[in-house]
C-alpha cells in the first residue's frame, strides 16, 4: 500500500450536508458542516458516470499552493467512494464527482488533519488545498 494513500485515509467523522452556493463565481457548490465548510470549485466538468458510494474510484490529486501552482507531485488514490477511512474533507469534496471531472477542493483544518497536521508536508492547523481529478470508477 502506498504511503501517500494513508494520509487521506484517516478517520475524521463529521456529519455533512449539502447546500447550494452562488456567492462566489466559479464555485460549483459548498459542503457545510456545523462549524466550517469545504470550498469546491469545478475546474473541468466530467462527462462520465457519477461515482456512487460503494464503487471503487481512482483519483489523481495534488496539493496546490495559494496561486494554484503545484506544491507537491501528483499522486493517485484508489479507494471506495465515501469510505469512512478518508478524511471528512475529501469525502465532502469528492461527493458527486463524475468521471473525468477535476475540482479544486479547499479543506479547512478541522476536516483535514487538525492540530496534529501530517508531517512533513502538512503542518498543524493547515488548510489543505487540493486539485482532484476522478480518473476511473469500477
Protein backbone atom coordinates (compact mmCIF):
# COMPACT_ATOMS: atom_id res chain seq x y z
CA UNK A 1 0.00 0.00 0.00
CA UNK A 2 1.34 3.42 -0.92
CA UNK A 3 2.37 5.70 1.93
CA UNK A 4 0.71 8.60 0.06
CA UNK A 5 -2.67 6.91 0.26
CA UNK A 6 -2.59 6.51 4.03
CA UNK A 7 -2.74 10.22 4.97
CA UNK A 8 -6.03 10.70 3.13
CA UNK A 9 -7.50 7.60 4.74
CA UNK A 10 -7.55 8.80 8.33
CA UNK A 11 -10.87 8.56 10.13
CA UNK A 12 -12.35 12.00 10.76
CA UNK A 13 -16.07 11.66 11.49
CA UNK A 14 -18.27 14.65 10.64
CA UNK A 15 -21.91 14.99 9.66
CA UNK A 16 -22.14 16.50 6.19
CA UNK A 17 -24.97 18.35 4.49
CA UNK A 18 -25.06 19.93 1.05
CA UNK A 19 -26.16 23.46 0.28
CA UNK A 20 -26.05 25.42 -2.95
CA UNK A 21 -23.84 28.49 -3.13
CA UNK A 22 -23.98 31.26 -5.68
CA UNK A 23 -21.85 33.69 -3.65
CA UNK A 24 -18.55 33.16 -5.46
CA UNK A 25 -18.05 32.89 -9.23
CA UNK A 26 -16.65 29.51 -10.26
CA UNK A 27 -17.77 27.76 -7.09
CA UNK A 28 -19.89 24.78 -8.03
CA UNK A 29 -21.30 24.21 -4.55
CA UNK A 30 -20.19 24.15 -0.95
CA UNK A 31 -20.44 21.34 1.55
CA UNK A 32 -21.23 22.58 5.04
CA UNK A 33 -20.52 21.19 8.49
CA UNK A 34 -21.65 22.57 11.81
CA UNK A 35 -18.57 24.82 12.08
CA UNK A 36 -16.73 25.12 8.77
CA UNK A 37 -17.07 24.32 5.10
CA UNK A 38 -15.18 22.72 2.26
CA UNK A 39 -14.87 25.03 -0.75
CA UNK A 40 -15.34 23.17 -4.03
CA UNK A 41 -14.52 24.79 -7.37
CA UNK A 42 -15.24 22.96 -10.62
CA UNK A 43 -12.18 23.16 -12.88
CA UNK A 44 -13.17 20.70 -15.63
CA UNK A 45 -16.64 19.17 -15.83
CA UNK A 46 -16.72 15.39 -16.15
CA UNK A 47 -18.74 13.71 -18.87
CA UNK A 48 -18.59 10.18 -17.47
CA UNK A 49 -20.75 8.45 -14.89
CA UNK A 50 -21.07 9.78 -11.35
CA UNK A 51 -19.12 7.93 -8.66
CA UNK A 52 -21.55 6.28 -6.24
CA UNK A 53 -20.93 5.06 -2.66
CA UNK A 54 -19.52 1.54 -2.64
CA UNK A 55 -17.89 1.81 -6.07
CA UNK A 56 -14.09 1.84 -6.34
CA UNK A 57 -12.75 5.13 -7.70
CA UNK A 58 -9.27 6.15 -8.82
CA UNK A 59 -8.33 9.78 -8.33
CA UNK A 60 -5.28 11.83 -9.29
CA UNK A 61 -4.62 14.53 -6.71
CA UNK A 62 -2.02 17.07 -5.69
CA UNK A 63 -1.63 19.69 -3.03
CA UNK A 64 -1.70 23.11 -4.68
CA UNK A 65 -0.24 26.41 -3.49
CA UNK A 66 -2.03 29.68 -2.92
CA UNK A 67 -1.65 30.65 -6.59
CA UNK A 68 -2.80 27.27 -7.86
CA UNK A 69 0.75 26.08 -8.53
CA UNK A 70 1.58 22.51 -7.59
CA UNK A 71 3.12 22.29 -4.12
CA UNK A 72 3.58 18.53 -4.48
CA UNK A 73 3.78 15.97 -7.26
CA UNK A 74 0.53 14.41 -8.42
CA UNK A 75 -0.37 11.14 -6.71
CA UNK A 76 -3.05 8.53 -7.35
CA UNK A 77 -5.52 7.18 -4.84
CA UNK A 78 -7.80 4.18 -5.41
CA UNK A 79 -10.45 3.68 -2.72
CA UNK A 80 -14.14 3.01 -2.13
CA UNK A 81 -16.26 6.13 -2.79
CA UNK A 82 -17.33 7.72 0.51
CA UNK A 83 -15.16 5.45 2.66
CA UNK A 84 -15.11 6.41 6.35
CA UNK A 85 -11.34 5.82 6.23
CA UNK A 86 -10.93 9.00 4.16
CA UNK A 87 -10.66 12.41 5.81
CA UNK A 88 -14.00 14.17 6.03
CA UNK A 89 -12.97 16.99 3.70
CA UNK A 90 -12.00 14.51 0.96
CA UNK A 91 -15.37 12.74 1.25
CA UNK A 92 -17.25 16.04 1.11
CA UNK A 93 -15.13 17.48 -1.69
CA UNK A 94 -15.40 14.49 -4.00
CA UNK A 95 -19.08 13.74 -3.37
CA UNK A 96 -21.00 13.73 -6.65
CA UNK A 97 -17.94 13.80 -8.93
CA UNK A 98 -18.20 12.43 -12.45
CA UNK A 99 -15.50 10.51 -14.28
CA UNK A 100 -13.18 13.00 -15.98
CA UNK A 101 -14.09 15.84 -13.61
CA UNK A 102 -11.42 17.98 -11.97
CA UNK A 103 -12.10 20.02 -8.82
CA UNK A 104 -10.10 22.37 -6.64
CA UNK A 105 -11.05 21.44 -3.07
CA UNK A 106 -10.05 23.65 -0.14
CA UNK A 107 -10.38 21.71 3.12
CA UNK A 108 -10.34 23.53 6.48
CA UNK A 109 -8.04 22.07 9.18
CA UNK A 110 -10.95 20.61 11.16
CA UNK A 111 -11.89 18.42 8.20
CA UNK A 112 -8.28 17.58 7.25
CA UNK A 113 -5.51 16.86 9.79
CA UNK A 114 -6.34 19.39 12.50
CA UNK A 115 -3.89 20.30 15.24
CA UNK A 116 -1.63 17.33 14.51
CA UNK A 117 -1.02 18.02 10.83
CA UNK A 118 0.71 15.30 8.82
CA UNK A 119 4.45 15.89 8.72
CA UNK A 120 6.41 16.68 6.70
CA UNK A 121 4.00 18.06 4.05
CA UNK A 122 1.05 19.30 6.10
CA UNK A 123 1.75 21.46 9.17
CA UNK A 124 -0.58 21.64 12.20
CA UNK A 125 -3.83 23.58 11.69
CA UNK A 126 -3.25 23.83 7.94
CA UNK A 127 -5.93 24.39 5.34
CA UNK A 128 -5.48 21.70 2.68
CA UNK A 129 -5.86 22.95 -0.92
CA UNK A 130 -6.16 20.03 -3.36
CA UNK A 131 -6.68 19.58 -7.06
CA UNK A 132 -8.53 16.30 -7.59
CA UNK A 133 -9.42 14.53 -10.86
CA UNK A 134 -11.64 11.44 -10.99
CA UNK A 135 -9.89 9.08 -13.40
CA UNK A 136 -11.81 5.81 -13.18
CA UNK A 137 -14.80 4.15 -11.50
CA UNK A 138 -15.32 0.41 -11.07
